[in-house]
PDB file of N, CA and C in Angstrom:
ATOM      1  N   UNK A   1    -107.858 197.330 -51.137  1.00  0.00           N
ATOM      2  CA  UNK A   1    -106.424 197.432 -51.073  1.00  0.00           C
ATOM      3  C   UNK A   1    -105.836 197.126 -52.455  1.00  0.00           C
ATOM      4  N   UNK A   2    -104.939 197.961 -52.908  1.00  0.00           N
ATOM      5  CA  UNK A   2    -104.340 197.798 -54.235  1.00  0.00           C
ATOM      6  C   UNK A   2    -103.310 196.674 -54.226  1.00  0.00           C
ATOM      7  N   UNK A   3    -103.307 195.932 -55.288  1.00  0.00           N
ATOM      8  CA  UNK A   3    -102.352 194.840 -55.432  1.00  0.00           C
ATOM      9  C   UNK A   3    -101.012 195.412 -55.897  1.00  0.00           C
ATOM     10  N   UNK A   4     -99.932 194.981 -55.236  1.00  0.00           N
ATOM     11  CA  UNK A   4     -98.614 195.476 -55.618  1.00  0.00           C
ATOM     12  C   UNK A   4     -98.156 194.799 -56.898  1.00  0.00           C
ATOM     13  N   UNK A   5     -97.541 195.580 -57.750  1.00  0.00           N
ATOM     14  CA  UNK A   5     -97.058 195.070 -59.022  1.00  0.00           C
ATOM     15  C   UNK A   5     -95.611 194.622 -58.877  1.00  0.00           C
ATOM     16  N   UNK A   6     -95.311 193.415 -59.354  1.00  0.00           N
ATOM     17  CA  UNK A   6     -93.940 192.921 -59.331  1.00  0.00           C
ATOM     18  C   UNK A   6     -93.172 193.567 -60.474  1.00  0.00           C
ATOM     19  N   UNK A   7     -91.943 193.932 -60.196  1.00  0.00           N
ATOM     20  CA  UNK A   7     -91.114 194.492 -61.254  1.00  0.00           C
ATOM     21  C   UNK A   7     -90.220 193.395 -61.824  1.00  0.00           C
ATOM     22  N   UNK A   8     -89.870 193.542 -63.061  1.00  0.00           N
ATOM     23  CA  UNK A   8     -88.978 192.604 -63.735  1.00  0.00           C
ATOM     24  C   UNK A   8     -87.649 193.309 -63.929  1.00  0.00           C
ATOM     25  N   UNK A   9     -86.583 192.639 -63.550  1.00  0.00           N
ATOM     26  CA  UNK A   9     -85.255 193.234 -63.671  1.00  0.00           C
ATOM     27  C   UNK A   9     -84.895 193.429 -65.135  1.00  0.00           C
ATOM     28  N   UNK A  10     -84.305 194.571 -65.421  1.00  0.00           N
ATOM     29  CA  UNK A  10     -83.866 194.852 -66.790  1.00  0.00           C
ATOM     30  C   UNK A  10     -82.412 195.287 -66.740  1.00  0.00           C
ATOM     31  N   UNK A  11     -81.596 194.653 -67.517  1.00  0.00           N
ATOM     32  CA  UNK A  11     -80.189 194.977 -67.582  1.00  0.00           C
ATOM     33  C   UNK A  11     -80.019 196.249 -68.410  1.00  0.00           C
ATOM     34  N   UNK A  12     -79.437 197.269 -67.827  1.00  0.00           N
ATOM     35  CA  UNK A  12     -79.291 198.553 -68.506  1.00  0.00           C
ATOM     36  C   UNK A  12     -78.357 198.467 -69.716  1.00  0.00           C
ATOM     37  N   UNK A  13     -77.358 197.612 -69.641  1.00  0.00           N
ATOM     38  CA  UNK A  13     -76.389 197.506 -70.731  1.00  0.00           C
ATOM     39  C   UNK A  13     -76.985 196.834 -71.963  1.00  0.00           C
ATOM     40  N   UNK A  14     -77.687 195.740 -71.768  1.00  0.00           N
ATOM     41  CA  UNK A  14     -78.169 194.964 -72.907  1.00  0.00           C
ATOM     42  C   UNK A  14     -79.613 195.241 -73.252  1.00  0.00           C
ATOM     43  N   UNK A  15     -80.387 195.746 -72.292  1.00  0.00           N
ATOM     44  CA  UNK A  15     -81.799 195.979 -72.526  1.00  0.00           C
ATOM     45  C   UNK A  15     -82.612 194.695 -72.471  1.00  0.00           C
ATOM     46  N   UNK A  16     -82.023 193.616 -71.976  1.00  0.00           N
ATOM     47  CA  UNK A  16     -82.709 192.332 -71.883  1.00  0.00           C
ATOM     48  C   UNK A  16     -83.387 192.203 -70.533  1.00  0.00           C
ATOM     49  N   UNK A  17     -84.487 191.458 -70.504  1.00  0.00           N
ATOM     50  CA  UNK A  17     -85.199 191.213 -69.266  1.00  0.00           C
ATOM     51  C   UNK A  17     -84.749 189.896 -68.659  1.00  0.00           C
ATOM     52  N   UNK A  18     -84.745 189.839 -67.336  1.00  0.00           N
ATOM     53  CA  UNK A  18     -84.365 188.633 -66.625  1.00  0.00           C
ATOM     54  C   UNK A  18     -85.569 188.152 -65.829  1.00  0.00           C
ATOM     55  N   UNK A  19     -85.941 186.885 -66.036  1.00  0.00           N
ATOM     56  CA  UNK A  19     -87.035 186.323 -65.253  1.00  0.00           C
ATOM     57  C   UNK A  19     -86.469 185.218 -64.374  1.00  0.00           C
ATOM     58  N   UNK A  20     -87.113 184.965 -63.280  1.00  0.00           N
ATOM     59  CA  UNK A  20     -86.662 183.928 -62.363  1.00  0.00           C
ATOM     60  C   UNK A  20     -87.142 182.560 -62.791  1.00  0.00           C
ATOM     61  N   UNK A  21     -86.752 181.560 -62.024  1.00  0.00           N
ATOM     62  CA  UNK A  21     -87.125 180.192 -62.379  1.00  0.00           C
ATOM     63  C   UNK A  21     -88.624 179.954 -62.241  1.00  0.00           C
ATOM     64  N   UNK A  22     -89.275 180.638 -61.286  1.00  0.00           N
ATOM     65  CA  UNK A  22     -90.728 180.473 -61.132  1.00  0.00           C
ATOM     66  C   UNK A  22     -91.453 181.025 -62.361  1.00  0.00           C
ATOM     67  N   UNK A  23     -91.050 182.195 -62.816  1.00  0.00           N
ATOM     68  CA  UNK A  23     -91.646 182.787 -64.017  1.00  0.00           C
ATOM     69  C   UNK A  23     -91.386 181.953 -65.245  1.00  0.00           C
ATOM     70  N   UNK A  24     -90.170 181.447 -65.349  1.00  0.00           N
ATOM     71  CA  UNK A  24     -89.827 180.590 -66.487  1.00  0.00           C
ATOM     72  C   UNK A  24     -90.671 179.324 -66.477  1.00  0.00           C
ATOM     73  N   UNK A  25     -90.895 178.776 -65.275  1.00  0.00           N
ATOM     74  CA  UNK A  25     -91.717 177.575 -65.150  1.00  0.00           C
ATOM     75  C   UNK A  25     -93.144 177.807 -65.608  1.00  0.00           C
ATOM     76  N   UNK A  26     -93.684 178.984 -65.284  1.00  0.00           N
ATOM     77  CA  UNK A  26     -95.054 179.301 -65.699  1.00  0.00           C
ATOM     78  C   UNK A  26     -95.158 179.462 -67.216  1.00  0.00           C
ATOM     79  N   UNK A  27     -94.178 180.109 -67.798  1.00  0.00           N
ATOM     80  CA  UNK A  27     -94.172 180.289 -69.253  1.00  0.00           C
ATOM     81  C   UNK A  27     -94.046 178.929 -69.939  1.00  0.00           C
ATOM     82  N   UNK A  28     -93.154 178.095 -69.431  1.00  0.00           N
ATOM     83  CA  UNK A  28     -92.954 176.768 -70.015  1.00  0.00           C
ATOM     84  C   UNK A  28     -94.203 175.907 -69.877  1.00  0.00           C
ATOM     85  N   UNK A  29     -94.911 176.032 -68.758  1.00  0.00           N
ATOM     86  CA  UNK A  29     -96.125 175.239 -68.533  1.00  0.00           C
ATOM     87  C   UNK A  29     -97.182 175.539 -69.592  1.00  0.00           C
ATOM     88  N   UNK A  30     -97.268 176.788 -70.026  1.00  0.00           N
ATOM     89  CA  UNK A  30     -98.218 177.164 -71.074  1.00  0.00           C
ATOM     90  C   UNK A  30     -97.900 176.403 -72.358  1.00  0.00           C
ATOM     91  N   UNK A  31     -96.624 176.179 -72.591  1.00  0.00           N
ATOM     92  CA  UNK A  31     -96.190 175.460 -73.793  1.00  0.00           C
ATOM     93  C   UNK A  31     -96.166 173.952 -73.589  1.00  0.00           C
ATOM     94  N   UNK A  32     -96.583 173.490 -72.400  1.00  0.00           N
ATOM     95  CA  UNK A  32     -96.636 172.061 -72.133  1.00  0.00           C
ATOM     96  C   UNK A  32     -95.321 171.453 -71.686  1.00  0.00           C
ATOM     97  N   UNK A  33     -94.371 172.277 -71.279  1.00  0.00           N
ATOM     98  CA  UNK A  33     -93.059 171.794 -70.843  1.00  0.00           C
ATOM     99  C   UNK A  33     -93.025 171.808 -69.316  1.00  0.00           C
ATOM    100  N   UNK A  34     -92.709 170.675 -68.723  1.00  0.00           N
ATOM    101  CA  UNK A  34     -92.639 170.560 -67.276  1.00  0.00           C
ATOM    102  C   UNK A  34     -91.211 170.184 -66.869  1.00  0.00           C
ATOM    103  N   UNK A  35     -90.738 170.770 -65.775  1.00  0.00           N
ATOM    104  CA  UNK A  35     -89.410 170.433 -65.273  1.00  0.00           C
ATOM    105  C   UNK A  35     -89.479 169.123 -64.506  1.00  0.00           C
ATOM    106  N   UNK A  36     -88.576 168.209 -64.825  1.00  0.00           N
ATOM    107  CA  UNK A  36     -88.501 166.948 -64.112  1.00  0.00           C
ATOM    108  C   UNK A  36     -87.753 167.164 -62.795  1.00  0.00           C
ATOM    109  N   UNK A  37     -87.793 166.179 -61.932  1.00  0.00           N
ATOM    110  CA  UNK A  37     -87.072 166.262 -60.662  1.00  0.00           C
ATOM    111  C   UNK A  37     -85.568 166.417 -60.905  1.00  0.00           C
ATOM    112  N   UNK A  38     -85.054 165.712 -61.908  1.00  0.00           N
ATOM    113  CA  UNK A  38     -83.621 165.807 -62.227  1.00  0.00           C
ATOM    114  C   UNK A  38     -83.253 167.212 -62.697  1.00  0.00           C
ATOM    115  N   UNK A  39     -84.131 167.824 -63.487  1.00  0.00           N
ATOM    116  CA  UNK A  39     -83.869 169.181 -63.979  1.00  0.00           C
ATOM    117  C   UNK A  39     -83.860 170.181 -62.818  1.00  0.00           C
ATOM    118  N   UNK A  40     -84.815 170.024 -61.901  1.00  0.00           N
ATOM    119  CA  UNK A  40     -84.875 170.916 -60.728  1.00  0.00           C
ATOM    120  C   UNK A  40     -83.638 170.756 -59.861  1.00  0.00           C
ATOM    121  N   UNK A  41     -83.191 169.511 -59.685  1.00  0.00           N
ATOM    122  CA  UNK A  41     -82.002 169.258 -58.883  1.00  0.00           C
ATOM    123  C   UNK A  41     -80.773 169.878 -59.534  1.00  0.00           C
ATOM    124  N   UNK A  42     -80.647 169.710 -60.853  1.00  0.00           N
ATOM    125  CA  UNK A  42     -79.507 170.268 -61.582  1.00  0.00           C
ATOM    126  C   UNK A  42     -79.479 171.797 -61.455  1.00  0.00           C
ATOM    127  N   UNK A  43     -80.640 172.427 -61.561  1.00  0.00           N
ATOM    128  CA  UNK A  43     -80.720 173.878 -61.443  1.00  0.00           C
ATOM    129  C   UNK A  43     -80.354 174.324 -60.025  1.00  0.00           C
ATOM    130  N   UNK A  44     -80.830 173.597 -59.027  1.00  0.00           N
ATOM    131  CA  UNK A  44     -80.495 173.922 -57.640  1.00  0.00           C
ATOM    132  C   UNK A  44     -79.010 173.775 -57.359  1.00  0.00           C
ATOM    133  N   UNK A  45     -78.419 172.702 -57.888  1.00  0.00           N
ATOM    134  CA  UNK A  45     -76.983 172.485 -57.719  1.00  0.00           C
ATOM    135  C   UNK A  45     -76.174 173.607 -58.382  1.00  0.00           C
ATOM    136  N   UNK A  46     -76.589 174.009 -59.568  1.00  0.00           N
ATOM    137  CA  UNK A  46     -75.887 175.082 -60.292  1.00  0.00           C
ATOM    138  C   UNK A  46     -75.981 176.391 -59.513  1.00  0.00           C
ATOM    139  N   UNK A  47     -77.154 176.662 -58.963  1.00  0.00           N
ATOM    140  CA  UNK A  47     -77.348 177.878 -58.167  1.00  0.00           C
ATOM    141  C   UNK A  47     -76.472 177.843 -56.925  1.00  0.00           C
ATOM    142  N   UNK A  48     -76.421 176.683 -56.251  1.00  0.00           N
ATOM    143  CA  UNK A  48     -75.630 176.536 -55.030  1.00  0.00           C
ATOM    144  C   UNK A  48     -74.133 176.683 -55.305  1.00  0.00           C
ATOM    145  N   UNK A  49     -73.695 176.177 -56.456  1.00  0.00           N
ATOM    146  CA  UNK A  49     -72.282 176.266 -56.822  1.00  0.00           C
ATOM    147  C   UNK A  49     -71.917 177.629 -57.395  1.00  0.00           C
ATOM    148  N   UNK A  50     -72.921 178.418 -57.753  1.00  0.00           N
ATOM    149  CA  UNK A  50     -72.659 179.737 -58.333  1.00  0.00           C
ATOM    150  C   UNK A  50     -72.114 179.663 -59.746  1.00  0.00           C
ATOM    151  N   UNK A  51     -72.585 178.695 -60.518  1.00  0.00           N
ATOM    152  CA  UNK A  51     -72.098 178.529 -61.891  1.00  0.00           C
ATOM    153  C   UNK A  51     -72.515 179.710 -62.769  1.00  0.00           C
ATOM    154  N   UNK A  52     -71.673 180.032 -63.719  1.00  0.00           N
ATOM    155  CA  UNK A  52     -72.026 181.046 -64.707  1.00  0.00           C
ATOM    156  C   UNK A  52     -73.011 180.419 -65.689  1.00  0.00           C
ATOM    157  N   UNK A  53     -73.627 181.237 -66.513  1.00  0.00           N
ATOM    158  CA  UNK A  53     -74.579 180.737 -67.502  1.00  0.00           C
ATOM    159  C   UNK A  53     -73.909 179.739 -68.441  1.00  0.00           C
ATOM    160  N   UNK A  54     -72.688 180.033 -68.852  1.00  0.00           N
ATOM    161  CA  UNK A  54     -71.967 179.135 -69.771  1.00  0.00           C
ATOM    162  C   UNK A  54     -71.650 177.802 -69.091  1.00  0.00           C
ATOM    163  N   UNK A  55     -71.217 177.844 -67.840  1.00  0.00           N
ATOM    164  CA  UNK A  55     -70.922 176.606 -67.115  1.00  0.00           C
ATOM    165  C   UNK A  55     -72.188 175.772 -66.932  1.00  0.00           C
ATOM    166  N   UNK A  56     -73.295 176.435 -66.659  1.00  0.00           N
ATOM    167  CA  UNK A  56     -74.564 175.735 -66.490  1.00  0.00           C
ATOM    168  C   UNK A  56     -75.008 175.088 -67.797  1.00  0.00           C
ATOM    169  N   UNK A  57     -74.848 175.797 -68.923  1.00  0.00           N
ATOM    170  CA  UNK A  57     -75.168 175.218 -70.233  1.00  0.00           C
ATOM    171  C   UNK A  57     -74.345 173.958 -70.489  1.00  0.00           C
ATOM    172  N   UNK A  58     -73.049 174.018 -70.162  1.00  0.00           N
ATOM    173  CA  UNK A  58     -72.185 172.857 -70.359  1.00  0.00           C
ATOM    174  C   UNK A  58     -72.650 171.676 -69.506  1.00  0.00           C
ATOM    175  N   UNK A  59     -73.103 171.956 -68.287  1.00  0.00           N
ATOM    176  CA  UNK A  59     -73.615 170.906 -67.402  1.00  0.00           C
ATOM    177  C   UNK A  59     -74.849 170.244 -68.008  1.00  0.00           C
ATOM    178  N   UNK A  60     -75.740 171.046 -68.556  1.00  0.00           N
ATOM    179  CA  UNK A  60     -76.953 170.510 -69.185  1.00  0.00           C
ATOM    180  C   UNK A  60     -76.594 169.662 -70.395  1.00  0.00           C
ATOM    181  N   UNK A  61     -75.715 170.153 -71.235  1.00  0.00           N
ATOM    182  CA  UNK A  61     -75.294 169.421 -72.434  1.00  0.00           C
ATOM    183  C   UNK A  61     -74.660 168.098 -72.037  1.00  0.00           C
ATOM    184  N   UNK A  62     -73.803 168.108 -71.008  1.00  0.00           N
ATOM    185  CA  UNK A  62     -73.145 166.897 -70.542  1.00  0.00           C
ATOM    186  C   UNK A  62     -74.174 165.858 -70.074  1.00  0.00           C
ATOM    187  N   UNK A  63     -75.229 166.310 -69.429  1.00  0.00           N
ATOM    188  CA  UNK A  63     -76.231 165.372 -68.900  1.00  0.00           C
ATOM    189  C   UNK A  63     -77.040 164.692 -70.003  1.00  0.00           C
ATOM    190  N   UNK A  64     -77.157 165.338 -71.168  1.00  0.00           N
ATOM    191  CA  UNK A  64     -77.923 164.746 -72.274  1.00  0.00           C
ATOM    192  C   UNK A  64     -77.043 164.085 -73.335  1.00  0.00           C
ATOM    193  N   UNK A  65     -75.742 164.199 -73.197  1.00  0.00           N
ATOM    194  CA  UNK A  65     -74.808 163.617 -74.161  1.00  0.00           C
ATOM    195  C   UNK A  65     -74.882 162.098 -74.097  1.00  0.00           C
ATOM    196  N   UNK A  66     -74.823 161.470 -75.231  1.00  0.00           N
ATOM    197  CA  UNK A  66     -74.847 159.998 -75.286  1.00  0.00           C
ATOM    198  C   UNK A  66     -73.434 159.463 -75.149  1.00  0.00           C
ATOM    199  N   UNK A  67     -73.369 158.308 -74.456  1.00  0.00           N
ATOM    200  CA  UNK A  67     -72.138 157.542 -74.368  1.00  0.00           C
ATOM    201  C   UNK A  67     -71.012 158.226 -73.852  1.00  0.00           C
TER     202      UNK A  67
END
């Protein structure tokens, strides 16, 4: 039985590829980067709230800001 090939979404306007969080996690693992529980929770919360990419970036920056 032939194995089905997964397709990667490509934005027609920009020509950029979009990978999901599972794919990103695998790529990061090769580089030795692991998502902490807090990072996973933050990503889940952002997904649930429907944040835009810019809003999500601001949330990440706020969480690492000192004082």
